[in-house]
Amino acid sequence: MKWIGPSTEDALERAGEDKVPVVVVPIAFVSEHSETLVELDIEYRHRAAELGIPAYVRVPALGHHPAFIAGLARLVRDPGALRGRGCAAAGRRCPYEGEA
């Protein structure tokens, strides 16, 4: 599948041209790991400075935030909570669909 754009690099270049701050929200990551800690916090922060971006902020991953854990617990207790959302809504088969 083609990656959804624009890339982070492209977005940083545009922010540099526009001289606007950047807030990076890594919604695809639920924990801090090498990609957030190295790529986002070090490499892209360095690139933002090179491009003259006035501020670069990376929002922490959800990790063990109480609201995130409560949401996961709700899904474990009620797997039907996802019906009609996520992969099913996108036309893909969810693992629980059709299972008794």
PDB file of N, CA and C in Angstrom:
ATOM      1  N   MET A   1       0.829  -1.182   0.000  1.00  0.00           N
ATOM      2  CA  MET A   1       0.000   0.000   0.000  1.00  0.00           C
ATOM      3  C   MET A   1       0.875   1.248   0.000  1.00  0.00           C
ATOM      4  N   LYS A   2       0.407   2.258  -0.664  1.00  0.00           N
ATOM      5  CA  LYS A   2       1.133   3.520  -0.696  1.00  0.00           C
ATOM      6  C   LYS A   2       0.985   4.240   0.643  1.00  0.00           C
ATOM      7  N   TRP A   3       2.083   4.793   1.112  1.00  0.00           N
ATOM      8  CA  TRP A   3       2.084   5.543   2.356  1.00  0.00           C
ATOM      9  C   TRP A   3       1.270   6.822   2.196  1.00  0.00           C
ATOM     10  N   ILE A   4       0.497   7.161   3.202  1.00  0.00           N
ATOM     11  CA  ILE A   4      -0.306   8.384   3.179  1.00  0.00           C
ATOM     12  C   ILE A   4       0.636   9.576   3.335  1.00  0.00           C
ATOM     13  N   GLY A   5       0.437  10.606   2.566  1.00  0.00           N
ATOM     14  CA  GLY A   5       1.317  11.763   2.616  1.00  0.00           C
ATOM     15  C   GLY A   5       0.647  12.950   3.253  1.00  0.00           C
ATOM     16  N   PRO A   6       1.329  14.014   3.441  1.00  0.00           N
ATOM     17  CA  PRO A   6       2.740  14.184   3.098  1.00  0.00           C
ATOM     18  C   PRO A   6       3.638  13.498   4.128  1.00  0.00           C
ATOM     19  N   SER A   7       4.857  13.233   3.735  1.00  0.00           N
ATOM     20  CA  SER A   7       5.811  12.640   4.668  1.00  0.00           C
ATOM     21  C   SER A   7       6.181  13.677   5.731  1.00  0.00           C
ATOM     22  N   THR A   8       6.723  13.206   6.819  1.00  0.00           N
ATOM     23  CA  THR A   8       7.161  14.123   7.875  1.00  0.00           C
ATOM     24  C   THR A   8       8.223  15.069   7.336  1.00  0.00           C
ATOM     25  N   GLU A   9       9.134  14.540   6.539  1.00  0.00           N
ATOM     26  CA  GLU A   9      10.186  15.369   5.945  1.00  0.00           C
ATOM     27  C   GLU A   9       9.581  16.483   5.085  1.00  0.00           C
ATOM     28  N   ASP A  10       8.590  16.137   4.243  1.00  0.00           N
ATOM     29  CA  ASP A  10       7.932  17.144   3.395  1.00  0.00           C
ATOM     30  C   ASP A  10       7.217  18.194   4.241  1.00  0.00           C
ATOM     31  N   ALA A  11       6.542  17.736   5.305  1.00  0.00           N
ATOM     32  CA  ALA A  11       5.831  18.668   6.181  1.00  0.00           C
ATOM     33  C   ALA A  11       6.808  19.600   6.889  1.00  0.00           C
ATOM     34  N   LEU A  12       7.957  19.076   7.296  1.00  0.00           N
ATOM     35  CA  LEU A  12       8.965  19.924   7.928  1.00  0.00           C
ATOM     36  C   LEU A  12       9.509  20.966   6.947  1.00  0.00           C
ATOM     37  N   GLU A  13       9.744  20.545   5.727  1.00  0.00           N
ATOM     38  CA  GLU A  13      10.244  21.494   4.726  1.00  0.00           C
ATOM     39  C   GLU A  13       9.245  22.620   4.490  1.00  0.00           C
ATOM     40  N   ARG A  14       7.973  22.267   4.425  1.00  0.00           N
ATOM     41  CA  ARG A  14       6.950  23.299   4.232  1.00  0.00           C
ATOM     42  C   ARG A  14       6.888  24.229   5.441  1.00  0.00           C
ATOM     43  N   ALA A  15       6.945  23.650   6.653  1.00  0.00           N
ATOM     44  CA  ALA A  15       6.936  24.477   7.861  1.00  0.00           C
ATOM     45  C   ALA A  15       8.143  25.403   7.892  1.00  0.00           C
ATOM     46  N   GLY A  16       9.280  24.890   7.425  1.00  0.00           N
ATOM     47  CA  GLY A  16      10.476  25.724   7.352  1.00  0.00           C
ATOM     48  C   GLY A  16      10.301  26.879   6.386  1.00  0.00           C
ATOM     49  N   GLU A  17       9.694  26.612   5.238  1.00  0.00           N
ATOM     50  CA  GLU A  17       9.427  27.685   4.260  1.00  0.00           C
ATOM     51  C   GLU A  17       8.468  28.722   4.832  1.00  0.00           C
ATOM     52  N   ASP A  18       7.449  28.230   5.561  1.00  0.00           N
ATOM     53  CA  ASP A  18       6.432  29.125   6.135  1.00  0.00           C
ATOM     54  C   ASP A  18       6.860  29.724   7.468  1.00  0.00           C
ATOM     55  N   LYS A  19       7.976  29.223   8.031  1.00  0.00           N
ATOM     56  CA  LYS A  19       8.490  29.687   9.329  1.00  0.00           C
ATOM     57  C   LYS A  19       7.442  29.561  10.431  1.00  0.00           C
ATOM     58  N   VAL A  20       6.798  28.387  10.485  1.00  0.00           N
ATOM     59  CA  VAL A  20       5.784  28.130  11.513  1.00  0.00           C
ATOM     60  C   VAL A  20       6.240  26.983  12.419  1.00  0.00           C
ATOM     61  N   PRO A  21       5.791  26.980  13.675  1.00  0.00           N
ATOM     62  CA  PRO A  21       6.130  25.886  14.592  1.00  0.00           C
ATOM     63  C   PRO A  21       5.495  24.576  14.150  1.00  0.00           C
ATOM     64  N   VAL A  22       6.039  23.471  14.657  1.00  0.00           N
ATOM     65  CA  VAL A  22       5.549  22.132  14.320  1.00  0.00           C
ATOM     66  C   VAL A  22       5.248  21.367  15.607  1.00  0.00           C
ATOM     67  N   VAL A  23       4.089  20.722  15.631  1.00  0.00           N
ATOM     68  CA  VAL A  23       3.737  19.801  16.711  1.00  0.00           C
ATOM     69  C   VAL A  23       3.529  18.440  16.062  1.00  0.00           C
ATOM     70  N   VAL A  24       4.337  17.451  16.461  1.00  0.00           N
ATOM     71  CA  VAL A  24       4.252  16.101  15.920  1.00  0.00           C
ATOM     72  C   VAL A  24       3.477  15.240  16.912  1.00  0.00           C
ATOM     73  N   VAL A  25       2.397  14.608  16.425  1.00  0.00           N
ATOM     74  CA  VAL A  25       1.565  13.738  17.261  1.00  0.00           C
ATOM     75  C   VAL A  25       1.636  12.333  16.677  1.00  0.00           C
ATOM     76  N   PRO A  26       2.437  11.449  17.279  1.00  0.00           N
ATOM     77  CA  PRO A  26       2.622  10.100  16.725  1.00  0.00           C
ATOM     78  C   PRO A  26       1.461   9.161  17.076  1.00  0.00           C
ATOM     79  N   ILE A  27       0.310   9.375  16.451  1.00  0.00           N
ATOM     80  CA  ILE A  27      -0.895   8.624  16.819  1.00  0.00           C
ATOM     81  C   ILE A  27      -0.796   7.135  16.515  1.00  0.00           C
ATOM     82  N   ALA A  28       0.113   6.732  15.656  1.00  0.00           N
ATOM     83  CA  ALA A  28       0.236   5.311  15.329  1.00  0.00           C
ATOM     84  C   ALA A  28       1.042   4.542  16.369  1.00  0.00           C
ATOM     85  N   PHE A  29       1.656   5.227  17.313  1.00  0.00           N
ATOM     86  CA  PHE A  29       2.502   4.574  18.300  1.00  0.00           C
ATOM     87  C   PHE A  29       1.845   4.632  19.674  1.00  0.00           C
ATOM     88  N   VAL A  30       1.792   3.498  20.359  1.00  0.00           N
ATOM     89  CA  VAL A  30       1.204   3.484  21.696  1.00  0.00           C
ATOM     90  C   VAL A  30       2.256   3.536  22.789  1.00  0.00           C
ATOM     91  N   SER A  31       3.515   3.443  22.419  1.00  0.00           N
ATOM     92  CA  SER A  31       4.576   3.518  23.420  1.00  0.00           C
ATOM     93  C   SER A  31       5.802   4.201  22.819  1.00  0.00           C
ATOM     94  N   GLU A  32       6.662   4.653  23.707  1.00  0.00           N
ATOM     95  CA  GLU A  32       7.920   5.245  23.260  1.00  0.00           C
ATOM     96  C   GLU A  32       8.834   4.104  22.806  1.00  0.00           C
ATOM     97  N   HIS A  33       9.458   4.248  21.673  1.00  0.00           N
ATOM     98  CA  HIS A  33      10.382   3.234  21.169  1.00  0.00           C
ATOM     99  C   HIS A  33      11.375   3.915  20.252  1.00  0.00           C
ATOM    100  N   SER A  34      12.174   3.144  19.539  1.00  0.00           N
ATOM    101  CA  SER A  34      13.272   3.723  18.765  1.00  0.00           C
ATOM    102  C   SER A  34      12.801   4.746  17.741  1.00  0.00           C
ATOM    103  N   GLU A  35      11.650   4.520  17.108  1.00  0.00           N
ATOM    104  CA  GLU A  35      11.224   5.478  16.085  1.00  0.00           C
ATOM    105  C   GLU A  35      10.838   6.821  16.700  1.00  0.00           C
ATOM    106  N   THR A  36      10.138   6.807  17.832  1.00  0.00           N
ATOM    107  CA  THR A  36       9.803   8.088  18.447  1.00  0.00           C
ATOM    108  C   THR A  36      11.029   8.714  19.083  1.00  0.00           C
ATOM    109  N   LEU A  37      11.817   7.929  19.773  1.00  0.00           N
ATOM    110  CA  LEU A  37      12.943   8.490  20.521  1.00  0.00           C
ATOM    111  C   LEU A  37      14.106   8.933  19.638  1.00  0.00           C
ATOM    112  N   VAL A  38      14.381   8.215  18.566  1.00  0.00           N
ATOM    113  CA  VAL A  38      15.505   8.586  17.695  1.00  0.00           C
ATOM    114  C   VAL A  38      15.025   9.427  16.518  1.00  0.00           C
ATOM    115  N   GLU A  39      14.126   8.866  15.713  1.00  0.00           N
ATOM    116  CA  GLU A  39      13.721   9.559  14.495  1.00  0.00           C
ATOM    117  C   GLU A  39      12.989  10.872  14.789  1.00  0.00           C
ATOM    118  N   LEU A  40      11.960  10.814  15.633  1.00  0.00           N
ATOM    119  CA  LEU A  40      11.179  12.022  15.887  1.00  0.00           C
ATOM    120  C   LEU A  40      11.874  12.990  16.834  1.00  0.00           C
ATOM    121  N   ASP A  41      12.427  12.477  17.922  1.00  0.00           N
ATOM    122  CA  ASP A  41      13.014  13.368  18.936  1.00  0.00           C
ATOM    123  C   ASP A  41      14.397  13.893  18.579  1.00  0.00           C
ATOM    124  N   ILE A  42      15.170  13.115  17.846  1.00  0.00           N
ATOM    125  CA  ILE A  42      16.536  13.544  17.543  1.00  0.00           C
ATOM    126  C   ILE A  42      16.679  13.981  16.088  1.00  0.00           C
ATOM    127  N   GLU A  43      16.410  13.064  15.152  1.00  0.00           N
ATOM    128  CA  GLU A  43      16.664  13.362  13.740  1.00  0.00           C
ATOM    129  C   GLU A  43      15.759  14.466  13.200  1.00  0.00           C
ATOM    130  N   TYR A  44      14.445  14.346  13.425  1.00  0.00           N
ATOM    131  CA  TYR A  44      13.547  15.378  12.887  1.00  0.00           C
ATOM    132  C   TYR A  44      13.682  16.695  13.655  1.00  0.00           C
ATOM    133  N   ARG A  45      13.991  16.637  14.952  1.00  0.00           N
ATOM    134  CA  ARG A  45      14.223  17.884  15.702  1.00  0.00           C
ATOM    135  C   ARG A  45      15.444  18.613  15.124  1.00  0.00           C
ATOM    136  N   HIS A  46      16.487  17.854  14.802  1.00  0.00           N
ATOM    137  CA  HIS A  46      17.694  18.421  14.191  1.00  0.00           C
ATOM    138  C   HIS A  46      17.348  19.023  12.820  1.00  0.00           C
ATOM    139  N   ARG A  47      16.566  18.287  12.029  1.00  0.00           N
ATOM    140  CA  ARG A  47      16.180  18.773  10.694  1.00  0.00           C
ATOM    141  C   ARG A  47      15.346  20.046  10.815  1.00  0.00           C
ATOM    142  N   ALA A  48      14.447  20.083  11.803  1.00  0.00           N
ATOM    143  CA  ALA A  48      13.621  21.279  12.020  1.00  0.00           C
ATOM    144  C   ALA A  48      14.505  22.487  12.321  1.00  0.00           C
ATOM    145  N   ALA A  49      15.533  22.290  13.133  1.00  0.00           N
ATOM    146  CA  ALA A  49      16.453  23.385  13.449  1.00  0.00           C
ATOM    147  C   ALA A  49      17.187  23.841  12.194  1.00  0.00           C
ATOM    148  N   GLU A  50      17.633  22.882  11.371  1.00  0.00           N
ATOM    149  CA  GLU A  50      18.311  23.221  10.117  1.00  0.00           C
ATOM    150  C   GLU A  50      17.418  24.057   9.205  1.00  0.00           C
ATOM    151  N   LEU A  51      16.115  23.751   9.213  1.00  0.00           N
ATOM    152  CA  LEU A  51      15.166  24.448   8.339  1.00  0.00           C
ATOM    153  C   LEU A  51      14.677  25.766   8.925  1.00  0.00           C
ATOM    154  N   GLY A  52      15.116  26.094  10.128  1.00  0.00           N
ATOM    155  CA  GLY A  52      14.716  27.360  10.753  1.00  0.00           C
ATOM    156  C   GLY A  52      13.314  27.349  11.320  1.00  0.00           C
ATOM    157  N   ILE A  53      12.802  26.193  11.641  1.00  0.00           N
ATOM    158  CA  ILE A  53      11.464  26.094  12.231  1.00  0.00           C
ATOM    159  C   ILE A  53      11.540  26.654  13.649  1.00  0.00           C
ATOM    160  N   PRO A  54      10.657  27.609  13.996  1.00  0.00           N
ATOM    161  CA  PRO A  54      10.786  28.300  15.284  1.00  0.00           C
ATOM    162  C   PRO A  54      10.565  27.417  16.517  1.00  0.00           C
ATOM    163  N   ALA A  55       9.785  26.365  16.412  1.00  0.00           N
ATOM    164  CA  ALA A  55       9.572  25.452  17.545  1.00  0.00           C
ATOM    165  C   ALA A  55       9.210  24.077  16.995  1.00  0.00           C
ATOM    166  N   TYR A  56       9.721  23.042  17.659  1.00  0.00           N
ATOM    167  CA  TYR A  56       9.433  21.664  17.277  1.00  0.00           C
ATOM    168  C   TYR A  56       9.075  20.917  18.554  1.00  0.00           C
ATOM    169  N   VAL A  57       7.853  20.401  18.613  1.00  0.00           N
ATOM    170  CA  VAL A  57       7.367  19.692  19.797  1.00  0.00           C
ATOM    171  C   VAL A  57       6.847  18.333  19.364  1.00  0.00           C
ATOM    172  N   ARG A  58       7.250  17.292  20.084  1.00  0.00           N
ATOM    173  CA  ARG A  58       6.711  15.954  19.832  1.00  0.00           C
ATOM    174  C   ARG A  58       5.869  15.559  21.042  1.00  0.00           C
ATOM    175  N   VAL A  59       4.586  15.283  20.803  1.00  0.00           N
ATOM    176  CA  VAL A  59       3.672  14.888  21.867  1.00  0.00           C
ATOM    177  C   VAL A  59       4.022  13.464  22.303  1.00  0.00           C
ATOM    178  N   PRO A  60       4.042  13.188  23.609  1.00  0.00           N
ATOM    179  CA  PRO A  60       4.357  11.831  24.070  1.00  0.00           C
ATOM    180  C   PRO A  60       3.354  10.800  23.565  1.00  0.00           C
ATOM    181  N   ALA A  61       3.830   9.580  23.396  1.00  0.00           N
ATOM    182  CA  ALA A  61       2.939   8.472  23.036  1.00  0.00           C
ATOM    183  C   ALA A  61       1.986   8.201  24.203  1.00  0.00           C
ATOM    184  N   LEU A  62       0.897   7.501  23.906  1.00  0.00           N
ATOM    185  CA  LEU A  62      -0.122   7.242  24.927  1.00  0.00           C
ATOM    186  C   LEU A  62       0.401   6.422  26.098  1.00  0.00           C
ATOM    187  N   GLY A  63       1.245   5.435  25.801  1.00  0.00           N
ATOM    188  CA  GLY A  63       1.868   4.643  26.854  1.00  0.00           C
ATOM    189  C   GLY A  63       0.892   4.107  27.876  1.00  0.00           C
ATOM    190  N   HIS A  64       1.068   4.500  29.126  1.00  0.00           N
ATOM    191  CA  HIS A  64       0.227   3.994  30.202  1.00  0.00           C
ATOM    192  C   HIS A  64      -0.716   5.070  30.750  1.00  0.00           C
ATOM    193  N   HIS A  65      -1.093   6.040  29.903  1.00  0.00           N
ATOM    194  CA  HIS A  65      -2.028   7.068  30.339  1.00  0.00           C
ATOM    195  C   HIS A  65      -3.328   6.401  30.791  1.00  0.00           C
ATOM    196  N   PRO A  66      -3.874   6.786  31.923  1.00  0.00           N
ATOM    197  CA  PRO A  66      -5.072   6.130  32.458  1.00  0.00           C
ATOM    198  C   PRO A  66      -6.251   6.068  31.477  1.00  0.00           C
ATOM    199  N   ALA A  67      -6.472   7.106  30.702  1.00  0.00           N
ATOM    200  CA  ALA A  67      -7.595   7.089  29.751  1.00  0.00           C
ATOM    201  C   ALA A  67      -7.366   6.057  28.650  1.00  0.00           C
ATOM    202  N   PHE A  68      -6.125   5.910  28.201  1.00  0.00           N
ATOM    203  CA  PHE A  68      -5.808   4.918  27.173  1.00  0.00           C
ATOM    204  C   PHE A  68      -6.000   3.508  27.720  1.00  0.00           C
ATOM    205  N   ILE A  69      -5.494   3.255  28.920  1.00  0.00           N
ATOM    206  CA  ILE A  69      -5.638   1.937  29.537  1.00  0.00           C
ATOM    207  C   ILE A  69      -7.109   1.629  29.785  1.00  0.00           C
ATOM    208  N   ALA A  70      -7.878   2.607  30.221  1.00  0.00           N
ATOM    209  CA  ALA A  70      -9.312   2.389  30.443  1.00  0.00           C
ATOM    210  C   ALA A  70     -10.013   2.035  29.134  1.00  0.00           C
ATOM    211  N   GLY A  71      -9.619   2.683  28.043  1.00  0.00           N
ATOM    212  CA  GLY A  71     -10.201   2.370  26.736  1.00  0.00           C
ATOM    213  C   GLY A  71      -9.868   0.960  26.290  1.00  0.00           C
ATOM    214  N   LEU A  72      -8.626   0.542  26.493  1.00  0.00           N
ATOM    215  CA  LEU A  72      -8.239  -0.832  26.155  1.00  0.00           C
ATOM    216  C   LEU A  72      -9.012  -1.834  27.002  1.00  0.00           C
ATOM    217  N   ALA A  73      -9.152  -1.546  28.286  1.00  0.00           N
ATOM    218  CA  ALA A  73      -9.892  -2.450  29.182  1.00  0.00           C
ATOM    219  C   ALA A  73     -11.341  -2.582  28.727  1.00  0.00           C
ATOM    220  N   ARG A  74     -11.945  -1.469  28.296  1.00  0.00           N
ATOM    221  CA  ARG A  74     -13.330  -1.506  27.812  1.00  0.00           C
ATOM    222  C   ARG A  74     -13.433  -2.414  26.594  1.00  0.00           C
ATOM    223  N   LEU A  75     -12.469  -2.334  25.697  1.00  0.00           N
ATOM    224  CA  LEU A  75     -12.497  -3.180  24.499  1.00  0.00           C
ATOM    225  C   LEU A  75     -12.308  -4.655  24.829  1.00  0.00           C
ATOM    226  N   VAL A  76     -11.507  -4.939  25.860  1.00  0.00           N
ATOM    227  CA  VAL A  76     -11.318  -6.331  26.274  1.00  0.00           C
ATOM    228  C   VAL A  76     -12.611  -6.884  26.866  1.00  0.00           C
ATOM    229  N   ARG A  77     -13.279  -6.059  27.677  1.00  0.00           N
ATOM    230  CA  ARG A  77     -14.527  -6.506  28.297  1.00  0.00           C
ATOM    231  C   ARG A  77     -15.661  -6.600  27.289  1.00  0.00           C
ATOM    232  N   ASP A  78     -15.640  -5.752  26.249  1.00  0.00           N
ATOM    233  CA  ASP A  78     -16.726  -5.714  25.266  1.00  0.00           C
ATOM    234  C   ASP A  78     -16.145  -5.641  23.862  1.00  0.00           C
ATOM    235  N   PRO A  79     -15.677  -6.776  23.300  1.00  0.00           N
ATOM    236  CA  PRO A  79     -15.075  -6.749  21.965  1.00  0.00           C
ATOM    237  C   PRO A  79     -16.049  -6.283  20.892  1.00  0.00           C
ATOM    238  N   GLY A  80     -17.350  -6.369  21.135  1.00  0.00           N
ATOM    239  CA  GLY A  80     -18.332  -5.879  20.180  1.00  0.00           C
ATOM    240  C   GLY A  80     -18.340  -4.359  20.060  1.00  0.00           C
ATOM    241  N   ALA A  81     -17.618  -3.681  20.949  1.00  0.00           N
ATOM    242  CA  ALA A  81     -17.564  -2.219  20.918  1.00  0.00           C
ATOM    243  C   ALA A  81     -16.967  -1.700  19.619  1.00  0.00           C
ATOM    244  N   LEU A  82     -16.197  -2.523  18.938  1.00  0.00           N
ATOM    245  CA  LEU A  82     -15.569  -2.093  17.688  1.00  0.00           C
ATOM    246  C   LEU A  82     -16.405  -2.399  16.447  1.00  0.00           C
ATOM    247  N   ARG A  83     -17.468  -3.118  16.589  1.00  0.00           N
ATOM    248  CA  ARG A  83     -18.263  -3.474  15.405  1.00  0.00           C
ATOM    249  C   ARG A  83     -18.682  -2.212  14.649  1.00  0.00           C
ATOM    250  N   GLY A  84     -18.492  -2.259  13.334  1.00  0.00           N
ATOM    251  CA  GLY A  84     -18.846  -1.110  12.501  1.00  0.00           C
ATOM    252  C   GLY A  84     -17.768  -0.044  12.452  1.00  0.00           C
ATOM    253  N   ARG A  85     -16.644  -0.300  13.090  1.00  0.00           N
ATOM    254  CA  ARG A  85     -15.533   0.665  13.086  1.00  0.00           C
ATOM    255  C   ARG A  85     -14.264  -0.046  12.643  1.00  0.00           C
ATOM    256  N   GLY A  86     -13.226   0.698  12.517  1.00  0.00           N
ATOM    257  CA  GLY A  86     -11.911   0.124  12.238  1.00  0.00           C
ATOM    258  C   GLY A  86     -11.860  -0.651  10.944  1.00  0.00           C
ATOM    259  N   CYS A  87     -11.274  -1.838  10.997  1.00  0.00           N
ATOM    260  CA  CYS A  87     -11.047  -2.609   9.772  1.00  0.00           C
ATOM    261  C   CYS A  87     -12.362  -3.022   9.128  1.00  0.00           C
ATOM    262  N   ALA A  88     -13.398  -3.283   9.911  1.00  0.00           N
ATOM    263  CA  ALA A  88     -14.684  -3.685   9.333  1.00  0.00           C
ATOM    264  C   ALA A  88     -15.279  -2.554   8.496  1.00  0.00           C
ATOM    265  N   ALA A  89     -15.192  -1.343   8.991  1.00  0.00           N
ATOM    266  CA  ALA A  89     -15.734  -0.199   8.258  1.00  0.00           C
ATOM    267  C   ALA A  89     -14.941   0.061   6.984  1.00  0.00           C
ATOM    268  N   ALA A  90     -13.679  -0.342   6.976  1.00  0.00           N
ATOM    269  CA  ALA A  90     -12.824  -0.146   5.804  1.00  0.00           C
ATOM    270  C   ALA A  90     -12.939  -1.294   4.812  1.00  0.00           C
ATOM    271  N   GLY A  91     -13.821  -2.257   5.109  1.00  0.00           N
ATOM    272  CA  GLY A  91     -14.019  -3.364   4.192  1.00  0.00           C
ATOM    273  C   GLY A  91     -13.077  -4.529   4.393  1.00  0.00           C
ATOM    274  N   ARG A  92     -12.349  -4.534   5.495  1.00  0.00           N
ATOM    275  CA  ARG A  92     -11.452  -5.650   5.808  1.00  0.00           C
ATOM    276  C   ARG A  92     -12.097  -6.506   6.880  1.00  0.00           C
ATOM    277  N   ARG A  93     -11.693  -7.755   6.952  1.00  0.00           N
ATOM    278  CA  ARG A  93     -12.251  -8.670   7.939  1.00  0.00           C
ATOM    279  C   ARG A  93     -11.525  -8.504   9.273  1.00  0.00           C
ATOM    280  N   CYS A  94     -12.260  -8.177  10.299  1.00  0.00           N
ATOM    281  CA  CYS A  94     -11.683  -8.099  11.651  1.00  0.00           C
ATOM    282  C   CYS A  94     -11.614  -9.511  12.213  1.00  0.00           C
ATOM    283  N   PRO A  95     -10.649  -9.828  13.048  1.00  0.00           N
ATOM    284  CA  PRO A  95     -10.482 -11.179  13.573  1.00  0.00           C
ATOM    285  C   PRO A  95     -11.702 -11.707  14.302  1.00  0.00           C
ATOM    286  N   TYR A  96     -12.487 -10.857  14.974  1.00  0.00           N
ATOM    287  CA  TYR A  96     -13.627 -11.336  15.753  1.00  0.00           C
ATOM    288  C   TYR A  96     -14.878 -11.530  14.913  1.00  0.00           C
ATOM    289  N   GLU A  97     -14.912 -10.992  13.701  1.00  0.00           N
ATOM    290  CA  GLU A  97     -16.113 -11.103  12.875  1.00  0.00           C
ATOM    291  C   GLU A  97     -16.382 -12.544  12.486  1.00  0.00           C
ATOM    292  N   GLY A  98     -17.600 -12.975  12.639  1.00  0.00           N
ATOM    293  CA  GLY A  98     -17.987 -14.300  12.232  1.00  0.00           C
ATOM    294  C   GLY A  98     -17.597 -15.375  13.223  1.00  0.00           C
ATOM    295  N   GLU A  99     -16.969 -14.985  14.312  1.00  0.00           N
ATOM    296  CA  GLU A  99     -16.587 -15.959  15.333  1.00  0.00           C
ATOM    297  C   GLU A  99     -17.677 -15.997  16.387  1.00  0.00           C
ATOM    298  N   ALA A 100     -17.961 -17.173  16.887  1.00  0.00           N
ATOM    299  CA  ALA A 100     -19.010 -17.318  17.907  1.00  0.00           C
ATOM    300  C   ALA A 100     -18.481 -16.971  19.266  1.00  0.00           C
TER     301      ALA A 100
END
